[in-house]
PDB file of N, CA and C in Angstrom:
ATOM      1  N   UNK A   1      -8.985  -9.242   2.053  1.00  0.00           N
ATOM      2  CA  UNK A   1      -7.844  -8.617   1.394  1.00  0.00           C
ATOM      3  C   UNK A   1      -7.650  -7.211   1.954  1.00  0.00           C
ATOM      4  N   UNK A   2      -6.642  -6.558   1.486  1.00  0.00           N
ATOM      5  CA  UNK A   2      -6.355  -5.206   1.943  1.00  0.00           C
ATOM      6  C   UNK A   2      -7.216  -4.212   1.192  1.00  0.00           C
ATOM      7  N   UNK A   3      -7.593  -3.166   1.857  1.00  0.00           N
ATOM      8  CA  UNK A   3      -8.410  -2.128   1.261  1.00  0.00           C
ATOM      9  C   UNK A   3      -7.493  -1.017   0.758  1.00  0.00           C
ATOM     10  N   UNK A   4      -6.827  -1.259  -0.374  1.00  0.00           N
ATOM     11  CA  UNK A   4      -5.897  -0.278  -0.915  1.00  0.00           C
ATOM     12  C   UNK A   4      -6.479   0.376  -2.149  1.00  0.00           C
ATOM     13  N   UNK A   5      -6.141   1.625  -2.393  1.00  0.00           N
ATOM     14  CA  UNK A   5      -6.666   2.315  -3.572  1.00  0.00           C
ATOM     15  C   UNK A   5      -6.141   1.683  -4.855  1.00  0.00           C
ATOM     16  N   UNK A   6      -6.975   1.714  -5.900  1.00  0.00           N
ATOM     17  CA  UNK A   6      -6.536   1.163  -7.168  1.00  0.00           C
ATOM     18  C   UNK A   6      -5.696   2.185  -7.930  1.00  0.00           C
ATOM     19  N   UNK A   7      -5.136   1.766  -9.035  1.00  0.00           N
ATOM     20  CA  UNK A   7      -4.229   2.600  -9.819  1.00  0.00           C
ATOM     21  C   UNK A   7      -4.938   3.846 -10.341  1.00  0.00           C
ATOM     22  N   UNK A   8      -6.202   3.706 -10.711  1.00  0.00           N
ATOM     23  CA  UNK A   8      -6.930   4.848 -11.260  1.00  0.00           C
ATOM     24  C   UNK A   8      -7.145   5.947 -10.216  1.00  0.00           C
ATOM     25  N   UNK A   9      -7.339   5.556  -8.967  1.00  0.00           N
ATOM     26  CA  UNK A   9      -7.469   6.555  -7.905  1.00  0.00           C
ATOM     27  C   UNK A   9      -6.176   7.340  -7.757  1.00  0.00           C
ATOM     28  N   UNK A  10      -5.042   6.622  -7.753  1.00  0.00           N
ATOM     29  CA  UNK A  10      -3.744   7.291  -7.630  1.00  0.00           C
ATOM     30  C   UNK A  10      -3.497   8.205  -8.816  1.00  0.00           C
ATOM     31  N   UNK A  11      -3.855   7.741 -10.024  1.00  0.00           N
ATOM     32  CA  UNK A  11      -3.668   8.561 -11.215  1.00  0.00           C
ATOM     33  C   UNK A  11      -4.517   9.824 -11.142  1.00  0.00           C
ATOM     34  N   UNK A  12      -5.751   9.691 -10.690  1.00  0.00           N
ATOM     35  CA  UNK A  12      -6.638  10.846 -10.559  1.00  0.00           C
ATOM     36  C   UNK A  12      -6.074  11.859  -9.574  1.00  0.00           C
ATOM     37  N   UNK A  13      -5.595  11.371  -8.429  1.00  0.00           N
ATOM     38  CA  UNK A  13      -5.008  12.275  -7.434  1.00  0.00           C
ATOM     39  C   UNK A  13      -3.750  12.957  -7.972  1.00  0.00           C
ATOM     40  N   UNK A  14      -2.944  12.196  -8.697  1.00  0.00           N
ATOM     41  CA  UNK A  14      -1.720  12.776  -9.256  1.00  0.00           C
ATOM     42  C   UNK A  14      -2.044  13.860 -10.280  1.00  0.00           C
ATOM     43  N   UNK A  15      -3.012  13.600 -11.136  1.00  0.00           N
ATOM     44  CA  UNK A  15      -3.407  14.600 -12.133  1.00  0.00           C
ATOM     45  C   UNK A  15      -4.040  15.826 -11.474  1.00  0.00           C
ATOM     46  N   UNK A  16      -4.831  15.605 -10.435  1.00  0.00           N
ATOM     47  CA  UNK A  16      -5.433  16.731  -9.720  1.00  0.00           C
ATOM     48  C   UNK A  16      -4.357  17.578  -9.054  1.00  0.00           C
ATOM     49  N   UNK A  17      -3.372  16.912  -8.452  1.00  0.00           N
ATOM     50  CA  UNK A  17      -2.262  17.641  -7.827  1.00  0.00           C
ATOM     51  C   UNK A  17      -1.460  18.414  -8.847  1.00  0.00           C
ATOM     52  N   UNK A  18      -1.203  17.801  -9.988  1.00  0.00           N
ATOM     53  CA  UNK A  18      -0.467  18.482 -11.053  1.00  0.00           C
ATOM     54  C   UNK A  18      -1.244  19.689 -11.571  1.00  0.00           C
ATOM     55  N   UNK A  19      -2.551  19.526 -11.756  1.00  0.00           N
ATOM     56  CA  UNK A  19      -3.381  20.643 -12.195  1.00  0.00           C
ATOM     57  C   UNK A  19      -3.397  21.766 -11.171  1.00  0.00           C
ATOM     58  N   UNK A  20      -3.431  21.391  -9.905  1.00  0.00           N
ATOM     59  CA  UNK A  20      -3.416  22.381  -8.835  1.00  0.00           C
ATOM     60  C   UNK A  20      -2.122  23.184  -8.860  1.00  0.00           C
ATOM     61  N   UNK A  21      -1.002  22.475  -8.980  1.00  0.00           N
ATOM     62  CA  UNK A  21       0.299  23.142  -9.006  1.00  0.00           C
ATOM     63  C   UNK A  21       0.418  24.036 -10.236  1.00  0.00           C
ATOM     64  N   UNK A  22       0.024  23.519 -11.390  1.00  0.00           N
ATOM     65  CA  UNK A  22       0.117  24.324 -12.611  1.00  0.00           C
ATOM     66  C   UNK A  22      -0.810  25.543 -12.551  1.00  0.00           C
ATOM     67  N   UNK A  23      -1.979  25.360 -11.949  1.00  0.00           N
ATOM     68  CA  UNK A  23      -2.902  26.487 -11.817  1.00  0.00           C
ATOM     69  C   UNK A  23      -2.365  27.568 -10.903  1.00  0.00           C
ATOM     70  N   UNK A  24      -1.688  27.185  -9.844  1.00  0.00           N
ATOM     71  CA  UNK A  24      -1.134  28.159  -8.913  1.00  0.00           C
ATOM     72  C   UNK A  24       0.177  28.771  -9.401  1.00  0.00           C
ATOM     73  N   UNK A  25       0.723  28.195 -10.446  1.00  0.00           N
ATOM     74  CA  UNK A  25       1.971  28.725 -10.970  1.00  0.00           C
ATOM     75  C   UNK A  25       1.807  30.163 -11.467  1.00  0.00           C
ATOM     76  N   UNK A  26       0.632  30.517 -11.851  1.00  0.00           N
ATOM     77  CA  UNK A  26       0.382  31.885 -12.308  1.00  0.00           C
ATOM     78  C   UNK A  26       0.541  32.884 -11.165  1.00  0.00           C
ATOM     79  N   UNK A  27       0.389  32.408  -9.944  1.00  0.00           N
ATOM     80  CA  UNK A  27       0.502  33.299  -8.788  1.00  0.00           C
ATOM     81  C   UNK A  27       1.946  33.666  -8.463  1.00  0.00           C
ATOM     82  N   UNK A  28       2.891  32.996  -9.059  1.00  0.00           N
ATOM     83  CA  UNK A  28       4.293  33.320  -8.821  1.00  0.00           C
ATOM     84  C   UNK A  28       4.992  32.265  -7.996  1.00  0.00           C
ATOM     85  N   UNK A  29       6.235  32.572  -7.626  1.00  0.00           N
ATOM     86  CA  UNK A  29       7.086  31.610  -6.928  1.00  0.00           C
ATOM     87  C   UNK A  29       6.528  31.259  -5.552  1.00  0.00           C
ATOM     88  N   UNK A  30       6.040  32.227  -4.807  1.00  0.00           N
ATOM     89  CA  UNK A  30       5.539  31.930  -3.462  1.00  0.00           C
ATOM     90  C   UNK A  30       4.286  31.052  -3.523  1.00  0.00           C
ATOM     91  N   UNK A  31       3.425  31.295  -4.499  1.00  0.00           N
ATOM     92  CA  UNK A  31       2.241  30.451  -4.657  1.00  0.00           C
ATOM     93  C   UNK A  31       2.607  29.036  -5.048  1.00  0.00           C
ATOM     94  N   UNK A  32       3.599  28.905  -5.908  1.00  0.00           N
ATOM     95  CA  UNK A  32       4.054  27.586  -6.341  1.00  0.00           C
ATOM     96  C   UNK A  32       4.683  26.831  -5.181  1.00  0.00           C
ATOM     97  N   UNK A  33       5.495  27.519  -4.379  1.00  0.00           N
ATOM     98  CA  UNK A  33       6.124  26.880  -3.220  1.00  0.00           C
ATOM     99  C   UNK A  33       5.059  26.383  -2.243  1.00  0.00           C
ATOM    100  N   UNK A  34       4.063  27.215  -1.976  1.00  0.00           N
ATOM    101  CA  UNK A  34       2.976  26.826  -1.073  1.00  0.00           C
ATOM    102  C   UNK A  34       2.229  25.622  -1.626  1.00  0.00           C
ATOM    103  N   UNK A  35       1.968  25.630  -2.921  1.00  0.00           N
ATOM    104  CA  UNK A  35       1.256  24.514  -3.544  1.00  0.00           C
ATOM    105  C   UNK A  35       2.073  23.233  -3.455  1.00  0.00           C
ATOM    106  N   UNK A  36       3.360  23.318  -3.697  1.00  0.00           N
ATOM    107  CA  UNK A  36       4.209  22.133  -3.621  1.00  0.00           C
ATOM    108  C   UNK A  36       4.236  21.550  -2.212  1.00  0.00           C
ATOM    109  N   UNK A  37       4.311  22.413  -1.213  1.00  0.00           N
ATOM    110  CA  UNK A  37       4.300  21.938   0.172  1.00  0.00           C
ATOM    111  C   UNK A  37       2.983  21.232   0.475  1.00  0.00           C
ATOM    112  N   UNK A  38       1.858  21.815   0.036  1.00  0.00           N
ATOM    113  CA  UNK A  38       0.553  21.193   0.271  1.00  0.00           C
ATOM    114  C   UNK A  38       0.440  19.848  -0.437  1.00  0.00           C
ATOM    115  N   UNK A  39       0.889  19.785  -1.677  1.00  0.00           N
ATOM    116  CA  UNK A  39       0.824  18.532  -2.429  1.00  0.00           C
ATOM    117  C   UNK A  39       1.705  17.472  -1.774  1.00  0.00           C
ATOM    118  N   UNK A  40       2.900  17.845  -1.332  1.00  0.00           N
ATOM    119  CA  UNK A  40       3.774  16.885  -0.661  1.00  0.00           C
ATOM    120  C   UNK A  40       3.155  16.365   0.636  1.00  0.00           C
ATOM    121  N   UNK A  41       2.484  17.237   1.369  1.00  0.00           N
ATOM    122  CA  UNK A  41       1.807  16.803   2.596  1.00  0.00           C
ATOM    123  C   UNK A  41       0.688  15.807   2.289  1.00  0.00           C
ATOM    124  N   UNK A  42      -0.092  16.089   1.260  1.00  0.00           N
ATOM    125  CA  UNK A  42      -1.196  15.198   0.891  1.00  0.00           C
ATOM    126  C   UNK A  42      -0.662  13.850   0.413  1.00  0.00           C
ATOM    127  N   UNK A  43       0.363  13.876  -0.425  1.00  0.00           N
ATOM    128  CA  UNK A  43       0.937  12.624  -0.940  1.00  0.00           C
ATOM    129  C   UNK A  43       1.558  11.811   0.196  1.00  0.00           C
ATOM    130  N   UNK A  44       2.251  12.472   1.116  1.00  0.00           N
ATOM    131  CA  UNK A  44       2.837  11.774   2.256  1.00  0.00           C
ATOM    132  C   UNK A  44       1.751  11.146   3.128  1.00  0.00           C
ATOM    133  N   UNK A  45       0.689  11.891   3.374  1.00  0.00           N
ATOM    134  CA  UNK A  45      -0.425  11.357   4.164  1.00  0.00           C
ATOM    135  C   UNK A  45      -1.093  10.172   3.484  1.00  0.00           C
ATOM    136  N   UNK A  46      -1.306  10.264   2.172  1.00  0.00           N
ATOM    137  CA  UNK A  46      -1.921   9.165   1.431  1.00  0.00           C
ATOM    138  C   UNK A  46      -1.027   7.931   1.446  1.00  0.00           C
ATOM    139  N   UNK A  47       0.270   8.123   1.297  1.00  0.00           N
ATOM    140  CA  UNK A  47       1.200   6.996   1.323  1.00  0.00           C
ATOM    141  C   UNK A  47       1.216   6.347   2.706  1.00  0.00           C
ATOM    142  N   UNK A  48       1.155   7.162   3.749  1.00  0.00           N
ATOM    143  CA  UNK A  48       1.133   6.623   5.109  1.00  0.00           C
ATOM    144  C   UNK A  48      -0.122   5.774   5.332  1.00  0.00           C
ATOM    145  N   UNK A  49      -1.279   6.287   4.894  1.00  0.00           N
ATOM    146  CA  UNK A  49      -2.527   5.548   5.069  1.00  0.00           C
ATOM    147  C   UNK A  49      -2.525   4.250   4.271  1.00  0.00           C
ATOM    148  N   UNK A  50      -2.052   4.304   3.034  1.00  0.00           N
ATOM    149  CA  UNK A  50      -2.002   3.096   2.208  1.00  0.00           C
ATOM    150  C   UNK A  50      -1.054   2.074   2.825  1.00  0.00           C
ATOM    151  N   UNK A  51       0.085   2.545   3.348  1.00  0.00           N
ATOM    152  CA  UNK A  51       1.036   1.640   3.981  1.00  0.00           C
ATOM    153  C   UNK A  51       0.493   1.027   5.251  1.00  0.00           C
ATOM    154  N   UNK A  52      -0.236   1.806   6.045  1.00  0.00           N
ATOM    155  CA  UNK A  52      -0.771   1.255   7.289  1.00  0.00           C
ATOM    156  C   UNK A  52      -1.862   0.239   7.003  1.00  0.00           C
ATOM    157  N   UNK A  53      -2.628   0.449   5.940  1.00  0.00           N
ATOM    158  CA  UNK A  53      -3.632  -0.549   5.561  1.00  0.00           C
ATOM    159  C   UNK A  53      -2.968  -1.843   5.134  1.00  0.00           C
ATOM    160  N   UNK A  54      -1.881  -1.721   4.384  1.00  0.00           N
ATOM    161  CA  UNK A  54      -1.179  -2.912   3.902  1.00  0.00           C
ATOM    162  C   UNK A  54      -0.518  -3.665   5.043  1.00  0.00           C
ATOM    163  N   UNK A  55      -0.144  -2.970   6.107  1.00  0.00           N
ATOM    164  CA  UNK A  55       0.507  -3.629   7.245  1.00  0.00           C
ATOM    165  C   UNK A  55      -0.478  -4.298   8.191  1.00  0.00           C
ATOM    166  N   UNK A  56      -1.755  -3.947   8.068  1.00  0.00           N
ATOM    167  CA  UNK A  56      -2.748  -4.577   8.943  1.00  0.00           C
ATOM    168  C   UNK A  56      -2.838  -6.064   8.641  1.00  0.00           C
ATOM    169  N   UNK A  57      -2.981  -6.835   9.669  1.00  0.00           N
ATOM    170  CA  UNK A  57      -3.056  -8.280   9.511  1.00  0.00           C
ATOM    171  C   UNK A  57      -4.500  -8.716   9.718  1.00  0.00           C
ATOM    172  N   UNK A  58      -4.980  -9.563   8.816  1.00  0.00           N
ATOM    173  CA  UNK A  58      -6.341 -10.064   8.963  1.00  0.00           C
ATOM    174  C   UNK A  58      -6.444 -10.929  10.207  1.00  0.00           C
ATOM    175  N   UNK A  59      -7.522 -10.796  10.933  1.00  0.00           N
ATOM    176  CA  UNK A  59      -7.681 -11.572  12.153  1.00  0.00           C
ATOM    177  C   UNK A  59      -8.349 -12.914  11.877  1.00  0.00           C
ATOM    178  N   UNK A  60      -9.078 -13.023  10.774  1.00  0.00           N
ATOM    179  CA  UNK A  60      -9.774 -14.262  10.456  1.00  0.00           C
ATOM    180  C   UNK A  60      -9.240 -14.806   9.128  1.00  0.00           C
ATOM    181  N   UNK A  61      -8.488 -15.914   9.138  1.00  0.00           N
ATOM    182  CA  UNK A  61      -7.931 -16.445   7.899  1.00  0.00           C
ATOM    183  C   UNK A  61      -9.013 -16.892   6.911  1.00  0.00           C
ATOM    184  N   UNK A  62      -8.691 -16.782   5.638  1.00  0.00           N
ATOM    185  CA  UNK A  62      -9.554 -17.252   4.563  1.00  0.00           C
ATOM    186  C   UNK A  62      -9.645 -18.779   4.660  1.00  0.00           C
ATOM    187  N   UNK A  63     -10.846 -19.360   4.527  1.00  0.00           N
ATOM    188  CA  UNK A  63     -10.981 -20.818   4.690  1.00  0.00           C
ATOM    189  C   UNK A  63     -10.239 -21.638   3.629  1.00  0.00           C
ATOM    190  N   UNK A  64      -9.890 -21.040   2.499  1.00  0.00           N
ATOM    191  CA  UNK A  64      -9.118 -21.767   1.482  1.00  0.00           C
ATOM    192  C   UNK A  64      -7.704 -22.070   1.952  1.00  0.00           C
ATOM    193  N   UNK A  65      -7.209 -21.275   2.890  1.00  0.00           N
ATOM    194  CA  UNK A  65      -5.825 -21.390   3.328  1.00  0.00           C
ATOM    195  C   UNK A  65      -5.733 -22.272   4.570  1.00  0.00           C
ATOM    196  N   UNK A  66      -4.837 -23.247   4.505  1.00  0.00           N
ATOM    197  CA  UNK A  66      -4.619 -24.163   5.627  1.00  0.00           C
ATOM    198  C   UNK A  66      -3.249 -23.879   6.233  1.00  0.00           C
ATOM    199  N   UNK A  67      -3.162 -24.010   7.542  1.00  0.00           N
ATOM    200  CA  UNK A  67      -1.916 -23.754   8.253  1.00  0.00           C
ATOM    201  C   UNK A  67      -0.860 -24.778   7.854  1.00  0.00           C
ATOM    202  N   UNK A  68       0.370 -24.293   7.675  1.00  0.00           N
ATOM    203  CA  UNK A  68       1.491 -25.184   7.349  1.00  0.00           C
ATOM    204  C   UNK A  68       2.227 -25.636   8.607  1.00  0.00           C
ATOM    205  N   UNK A  69       1.913 -25.028   9.728  1.00  0.00           N
ATOM    206  CA  UNK A  69       2.621 -25.329  10.962  1.00  0.00           C
ATOM    207  C   UNK A  69       3.847 -24.444  11.165  1.00  0.00           C
ATOM    208  N   UNK A  70       4.189 -23.657  10.144  1.00  0.00           N
ATOM    209  CA  UNK A  70       5.332 -22.737  10.263  1.00  0.00           C
ATOM    210  C   UNK A  70       4.925 -21.522  11.083  1.00  0.00           C
ATOM    211  N   UNK A  71       5.766 -21.147  12.034  1.00  0.00           N
ATOM    212  CA  UNK A  71       5.523 -19.986  12.880  1.00  0.00           C
ATOM    213  C   UNK A  71       6.822 -19.184  12.946  1.00  0.00           C
ATOM    214  N   UNK A  72       6.703 -17.847  12.911  1.00  0.00           N
ATOM    215  CA  UNK A  72       7.896 -17.017  13.009  1.00  0.00           C
ATOM    216  C   UNK A  72       7.542 -15.702  13.695  1.00  0.00           C
ATOM    217  N   UNK A  73       8.560 -15.012  14.170  1.00  0.00           N
ATOM    218  CA  UNK A  73       8.378 -13.709  14.814  1.00  0.00           C
ATOM    219  C   UNK A  73       8.602 -12.620  13.769  1.00  0.00           C
ATOM    220  N   UNK A  74       7.575 -11.803  13.550  1.00  0.00           N
ATOM    221  CA  UNK A  74       7.689 -10.665  12.633  1.00  0.00           C
ATOM    222  C   UNK A  74       8.341  -9.523  13.410  1.00  0.00           C
ATOM    223  N   UNK A  75       9.579  -9.218  13.071  1.00  0.00           N
ATOM    224  CA  UNK A  75      10.332  -8.205  13.823  1.00  0.00           C
ATOM    225  C   UNK A  75       9.761  -6.806  13.626  1.00  0.00           C
ATOM    226  N   UNK A  76       9.108  -6.546  12.497  1.00  0.00           N
ATOM    227  CA  UNK A  76       8.534  -5.219  12.247  1.00  0.00           C
ATOM    228  C   UNK A  76       7.376  -4.923  13.194  1.00  0.00           C
ATOM    229  N   UNK A  77       6.504  -5.918  13.416  1.00  0.00           N
ATOM    230  CA  UNK A  77       5.340  -5.695  14.275  1.00  0.00           C
ATOM    231  C   UNK A  77       5.527  -6.268  15.673  1.00  0.00           C
ATOM    232  N   UNK A  78       6.515  -7.170  15.836  1.00  0.00           N
ATOM    233  CA  UNK A  78       6.724  -7.809  17.128  1.00  0.00           C
ATOM    234  C   UNK A  78       5.716  -8.913  17.418  1.00  0.00           C
ATOM    235  N   UNK A  79       4.965  -9.348  16.393  1.00  0.00           N
ATOM    236  CA  UNK A  79       3.926 -10.364  16.577  1.00  0.00           C
ATOM    237  C   UNK A  79       4.394 -11.711  16.045  1.00  0.00           C
ATOM    238  N   UNK A  80       3.871 -12.766  16.656  1.00  0.00           N
ATOM    239  CA  UNK A  80       4.130 -14.120  16.171  1.00  0.00           C
ATOM    240  C   UNK A  80       3.156 -14.379  15.025  1.00  0.00           C
ATOM    241  N   UNK A  81       3.692 -14.811  13.882  1.00  0.00           N
ATOM    242  CA  UNK A  81       2.888 -15.021  12.679  1.00  0.00           C
ATOM    243  C   UNK A  81       2.864 -16.507  12.331  1.00  0.00           C
ATOM    244  N   UNK A  82       1.748 -16.939  11.734  1.00  0.00           N
ATOM    245  CA  UNK A  82       1.602 -18.322  11.280  1.00  0.00           C
ATOM    246  C   UNK A  82       1.448 -18.310   9.764  1.00  0.00           C
ATOM    247  N   UNK A  83       2.099 -19.255   9.090  1.00  0.00           N
ATOM    248  CA  UNK A  83       2.074 -19.352   7.627  1.00  0.00           C
ATOM    249  C   UNK A  83       0.904 -20.226   7.204  1.00  0.00           C
ATOM    250  N   UNK A  84       0.114 -19.739   6.227  1.00  0.00           N
ATOM    251  CA  UNK A  84      -0.996 -20.493   5.648  1.00  0.00           C
ATOM    252  C   UNK A  84      -0.776 -20.588   4.145  1.00  0.00           C
ATOM    253  N   UNK A  85      -1.217 -21.698   3.553  1.00  0.00           N
ATOM    254  CA  UNK A  85      -1.039 -21.881   2.110  1.00  0.00           C
ATOM    255  C   UNK A  85      -2.341 -22.370   1.492  1.00  0.00           C
ATOM    256  N   UNK A  86      -2.609 -21.879   0.266  1.00  0.00           N
ATOM    257  CA  UNK A  86      -3.732 -22.357  -0.531  1.00  0.00           C
ATOM    258  C   UNK A  86      -3.180 -23.487  -1.392  1.00  0.00           C
ATOM    259  N   UNK A  87      -3.614 -24.714  -1.142  1.00  0.00           N
ATOM    260  CA  UNK A  87      -3.067 -25.881  -1.849  1.00  0.00           C
ATOM    261  C   UNK A  87      -3.333 -25.806  -3.355  1.00  0.00           C
ATOM    262  N   UNK A  88      -4.438 -25.176  -3.746  1.00  0.00           N
ATOM    263  CA  UNK A  88      -4.791 -25.121  -5.172  1.00  0.00           C
ATOM    264  C   UNK A  88      -3.849 -24.213  -5.957  1.00  0.00           C
ATOM    265  N   UNK A  89      -3.452 -23.079  -5.365  1.00  0.00           N
ATOM    266  CA  UNK A  89      -2.631 -22.111  -6.101  1.00  0.00           C
ATOM    267  C   UNK A  89      -1.196 -22.034  -5.606  1.00  0.00           C
ATOM    268  N   UNK A  90      -0.945 -22.509  -4.391  1.00  0.00           N
ATOM    269  CA  UNK A  90       0.390 -22.402  -3.812  1.00  0.00           C
ATOM    270  C   UNK A  90       0.648 -21.050  -3.158  1.00  0.00           C
ATOM    271  N   UNK A  91      -0.359 -20.169  -3.162  1.00  0.00           N
ATOM    272  CA  UNK A  91      -0.209 -18.837  -2.559  1.00  0.00           C
ATOM    273  C   UNK A  91      -0.046 -18.965  -1.055  1.00  0.00           C
ATOM    274  N   UNK A  92       0.882 -18.180  -0.504  1.00  0.00           N
ATOM    275  CA  UNK A  92       1.133 -18.185   0.936  1.00  0.00           C
ATOM    276  C   UNK A  92       0.658 -16.859   1.536  1.00  0.00           C
ATOM    277  N   UNK A  93       0.076 -16.957   2.733  1.00  0.00           N
ATOM    278  CA  UNK A  93      -0.337 -15.765   3.478  1.00  0.00           C
ATOM    279  C   UNK A  93       0.099 -15.928   4.912  1.00  0.00           C
ATOM    280  N   UNK A  94       0.210 -14.787   5.590  1.00  0.00           N
ATOM    281  CA  UNK A  94       0.734 -14.768   6.958  1.00  0.00           C
ATOM    282  C   UNK A  94      -0.280 -14.059   7.854  1.00  0.00           C
ATOM    283  N   UNK A  95      -0.738 -14.778   8.890  1.00  0.00           N
ATOM    284  CA  UNK A  95      -1.677 -14.209   9.844  1.00  0.00           C
ATOM    285  C   UNK A  95      -1.112 -14.283  11.242  1.00  0.00           C
ATOM    286  N   UNK A  96      -1.575 -13.359  12.073  1.00  0.00           N
ATOM    287  CA  UNK A  96      -1.153 -13.340  13.472  1.00  0.00           C
ATOM    288  C   UNK A  96      -1.563 -14.656  14.128  1.00  0.00           C
ATOM    289  N   UNK A  97      -0.644 -15.250  14.873  1.00  0.00           N
ATOM    290  CA  UNK A  97      -0.918 -16.509  15.558  1.00  0.00           C
ATOM    291  C   UNK A  97      -1.718 -16.204  16.820  1.00  0.00           C
ATOM    292  N   UNK A  98      -2.869 -16.849  16.941  1.00  0.00           N
ATOM    293  CA  UNK A  98      -3.737 -16.596  18.096  1.00  0.00           C
ATOM    294  C   UNK A  98      -3.536 -17.604  19.217  1.00  0.00           C
ATOM    295  N   UNK A  99      -2.511 -18.389  19.123  1.00  0.00           N
ATOM    296  CA  UNK A  99      -2.260 -19.312  20.223  1.00  0.00           C
ATOM    297  C   UNK A  99      -1.812 -20.585  19.744  1.00  0.00           C
TER     298      UNK A  99
END
């Protein structure tokens, strides 16, 4: 599966960022502006990392999933993808086609 942060991690970071901004608010407008820029940079970086993890494709399919024979070109990555389905749950997953 994907290695993405859970909701509690995001909540903790959001509360820490809010506390940081509120704490620097005592320093005045310039301190608050600097804090907001720093928080926006951190949030943007975290979102980029979480998104890149989610876009990674597993190289080894889960053995529960069997190929359906469907193949398509993923225009976002430029890779040929193969569709796999878990017969027990009906869940579909997409892995890079290795040939």
